[in-house]
Amino acid sequence: MEIERQQKEQQRIAAERERLQQQQRQRYLKLLAHWEQIALALGRPADYVEKIQQITDSYERGLPLSKKAIEACVQDTEDYHRQIQAQTQRRSRGLRL
């Protein structure tokens, strides 16, 4: 009886772990898609955007994201947010009388 309970608990934990891993994979896939859009908005070269697509394809096949890819994604995201912020500030200055 106790062994059955322990087995069921282990199965429940394994199923929960799998569910969390799948959620994390989906978040990363969305992040990679967003990174590609950001790279395009920043005017990155076509081969750079193609590399993001290759990274995404590799991740979809189960390969982990490299530290270099994560750092590039973070850097591009920061650059994009700075660009948007600068554009917003320029627009607001232009509207002042």
C-alpha atoms as a PDB file:
ATOM      1  CA  MET A   1       0.000   0.000   0.000  1.00  0.00           C
ATOM      2  CA  GLU A   2       2.752   2.447   0.959  1.00  0.00           C
ATOM      3  CA  ILE A   3       4.766   1.488  -2.126  1.00  0.00           C
ATOM      4  CA  GLU A   4       1.769   2.203  -4.364  1.00  0.00           C
ATOM      5  CA  ARG A   5       1.288   5.589  -2.750  1.00  0.00           C
ATOM      6  CA  GLN A   6       4.961   6.436  -3.241  1.00  0.00           C
ATOM      7  CA  GLN A   7       4.835   5.323  -6.879  1.00  0.00           C
ATOM      8  CA  LYS A   8       1.760   7.461  -7.537  1.00  0.00           C
ATOM      9  CA  GLU A   9       3.421  10.436  -5.875  1.00  0.00           C
ATOM     10  CA  GLN A  10       6.534   9.946  -7.986  1.00  0.00           C
ATOM     11  CA  GLN A  11       4.394   9.766 -11.112  1.00  0.00           C
ATOM     12  CA  ARG A  12       2.567  12.935 -10.109  1.00  0.00           C
ATOM     13  CA  ILE A  13       5.870  14.737  -9.515  1.00  0.00           C
ATOM     14  CA  ALA A  14       7.249  13.520 -12.852  1.00  0.00           C
ATOM     15  CA  ALA A  15       4.107  14.680 -14.672  1.00  0.00           C
ATOM     16  CA  GLU A  16       4.281  18.089 -12.989  1.00  0.00           C
ATOM     17  CA  ARG A  17       7.960  18.423 -13.870  1.00  0.00           C
ATOM     18  CA  GLU A  18       7.176  17.567 -17.495  1.00  0.00           C
ATOM     19  CA  ARG A  19       4.348  20.127 -17.572  1.00  0.00           C
ATOM     20  CA  LEU A  20       6.654  22.837 -16.210  1.00  0.00           C
ATOM     21  CA  GLN A  21       9.365  21.956 -18.725  1.00  0.00           C
ATOM     22  CA  GLN A  22       6.855  22.199 -21.569  1.00  0.00           C
ATOM     23  CA  GLN A  23       5.695  25.607 -20.336  1.00  0.00           C
ATOM     24  CA  GLN A  24       9.300  26.784 -20.190  1.00  0.00           C
ATOM     25  CA  ARG A  25       9.947  25.512 -23.729  1.00  0.00           C
ATOM     26  CA  GLN A  26       6.897  27.419 -24.986  1.00  0.00           C
ATOM     27  CA  ARG A  27       8.100  30.608 -23.260  1.00  0.00           C
ATOM     28  CA  TYR A  28      11.541  30.234 -24.839  1.00  0.00           C
ATOM     29  CA  LEU A  29      10.039  29.623 -28.277  1.00  0.00           C
ATOM     30  CA  LYS A  30       7.980  32.811 -27.931  1.00  0.00           C
ATOM     31  CA  LEU A  31      11.101  34.651 -26.781  1.00  0.00           C
ATOM     32  CA  LEU A  32      13.037  33.416 -29.815  1.00  0.00           C
ATOM     33  CA  ALA A  33      10.249  34.525 -32.160  1.00  0.00           C
ATOM     34  CA  HIS A  34      10.214  37.918 -30.463  1.00  0.00           C
ATOM     35  CA  TRP A  35      14.004  38.127 -30.787  1.00  0.00           C
ATOM     36  CA  GLU A  36      13.712  37.598 -34.526  1.00  0.00           C
ATOM     37  CA  GLN A  37      11.169  40.453 -34.759  1.00  0.00           C
ATOM     38  CA  ILE A  38      13.444  42.678 -32.675  1.00  0.00           C
ATOM     39  CA  ALA A  39      16.431  41.879 -34.881  1.00  0.00           C
ATOM     40  CA  LEU A  40      14.410  42.874 -37.938  1.00  0.00           C
ATOM     41  CA  ALA A  41      13.242  46.096 -36.270  1.00  0.00           C
ATOM     42  CA  LEU A  42      16.844  46.936 -35.370  1.00  0.00           C
ATOM     43  CA  GLY A  43      17.876  46.436 -38.994  1.00  0.00           C
ATOM     44  CA  ARG A  44      20.189  43.508 -38.277  1.00  0.00           C
ATOM     45  CA  PRO A  45      21.658  41.863 -41.413  1.00  0.00           C
ATOM     46  CA  ALA A  46      19.800  39.001 -43.068  1.00  0.00           C
ATOM     47  CA  ASP A  47      22.448  36.467 -42.055  1.00  0.00           C
ATOM     48  CA  TYR A  48      22.010  37.510 -38.404  1.00  0.00           C
ATOM     49  CA  VAL A  49      18.255  36.957 -38.606  1.00  0.00           C
ATOM     50  CA  GLU A  50      18.893  33.645 -40.363  1.00  0.00           C
ATOM     51  CA  LYS A  51      21.153  32.614 -37.472  1.00  0.00           C
ATOM     52  CA  ILE A  52      18.306  33.337 -35.033  1.00  0.00           C
ATOM     53  CA  GLN A  53      16.086  31.087 -37.151  1.00  0.00           C
ATOM     54  CA  GLN A  54      18.743  28.347 -37.005  1.00  0.00           C
ATOM     55  CA  ILE A  55      18.977  28.727 -33.221  1.00  0.00           C
ATOM     56  CA  THR A  56      15.187  28.453 -32.999  1.00  0.00           C
ATOM     57  CA  ASP A  57      15.150  25.358 -35.204  1.00  0.00           C
ATOM     58  CA  SER A  58      17.868  23.742 -33.086  1.00  0.00           C
ATOM     59  CA  TYR A  59      15.973  24.536 -29.904  1.00  0.00           C
ATOM     60  CA  GLU A  60      12.795  23.050 -31.355  1.00  0.00           C
ATOM     61  CA  ARG A  61      14.768  19.856 -32.049  1.00  0.00           C
ATOM     62  CA  GLY A  62      15.717  19.680 -28.376  1.00  0.00           C
ATOM     63  CA  LEU A  63      19.144  21.315 -28.326  1.00  0.00           C
ATOM     64  CA  PRO A  64      19.736  23.776 -25.479  1.00  0.00           C
ATOM     65  CA  LEU A  65      20.226  27.483 -26.030  1.00  0.00           C
ATOM     66  CA  SER A  66      23.859  28.511 -25.844  1.00  0.00           C
ATOM     67  CA  LYS A  67      25.050  31.167 -23.449  1.00  0.00           C
ATOM     68  CA  LYS A  68      26.154  33.227 -26.461  1.00  0.00           C
ATOM     69  CA  ALA A  69      22.655  33.071 -28.003  1.00  0.00           C
ATOM     70  CA  ILE A  70      21.014  34.104 -24.734  1.00  0.00           C
ATOM     71  CA  GLU A  71      23.442  37.010 -24.329  1.00  0.00           C
ATOM     72  CA  ALA A  72      22.797  38.177 -27.910  1.00  0.00           C
ATOM     73  CA  CYS A  73      19.043  37.984 -27.346  1.00  0.00           C
ATOM     74  CA  VAL A  74      19.295  40.017 -24.149  1.00  0.00           C
ATOM     75  CA  GLN A  75      21.557  42.600 -25.819  1.00  0.00           C
ATOM     76  CA  ASP A  76      19.239  43.009 -28.807  1.00  0.00           C
ATOM     77  CA  THR A  77      16.228  43.345 -26.522  1.00  0.00           C
ATOM     78  CA  GLU A  78      17.986  46.039 -24.492  1.00  0.00           C
ATOM     79  CA  ASP A  79      19.050  47.851 -27.687  1.00  0.00           C
ATOM     80  CA  TYR A  80      15.494  47.697 -28.980  1.00  0.00           C
ATOM     81  CA  HIS A  81      14.029  49.107 -25.778  1.00  0.00           C
ATOM     82  CA  ARG A  82      16.586  51.926 -25.788  1.00  0.00           C
ATOM     83  CA  GLN A  83      15.703  52.682 -29.407  1.00  0.00           C
ATOM     84  CA  ILE A  84      11.979  52.804 -28.620  1.00  0.00           C
ATOM     85  CA  GLN A  85      12.621  54.992 -25.585  1.00  0.00           C
ATOM     86  CA  ALA A  86      14.732  57.409 -27.653  1.00  0.00           C
ATOM     87  CA  GLN A  87      12.055  57.594 -30.345  1.00  0.00           C
ATOM     88  CA  THR A  88       9.392  58.280 -27.740  1.00  0.00           C
ATOM     89  CA  GLN A  89      11.479  61.045 -26.192  1.00  0.00           C
ATOM     90  CA  ARG A  90      12.119  62.645 -29.599  1.00  0.00           C
ATOM     91  CA  ARG A  91       8.417  62.577 -30.391  1.00  0.00           C
ATOM     92  CA  SER A  92       7.455  64.101 -27.079  1.00  0.00           C
ATOM     93  CA  ARG A  93      10.018  66.883 -27.515  1.00  0.00           C
ATOM     94  CA  GLY A  94       8.690  67.587 -30.987  1.00  0.00           C
ATOM     95  CA  LEU A  95       5.176  68.064 -29.669  1.00  0.00           C
ATOM     96  CA  ARG A  96       6.151  70.689 -27.122  1.00  0.00           C
ATOM     97  CA  LEU A  97       5.507  74.321 -28.036  1.00  0.00           C
END
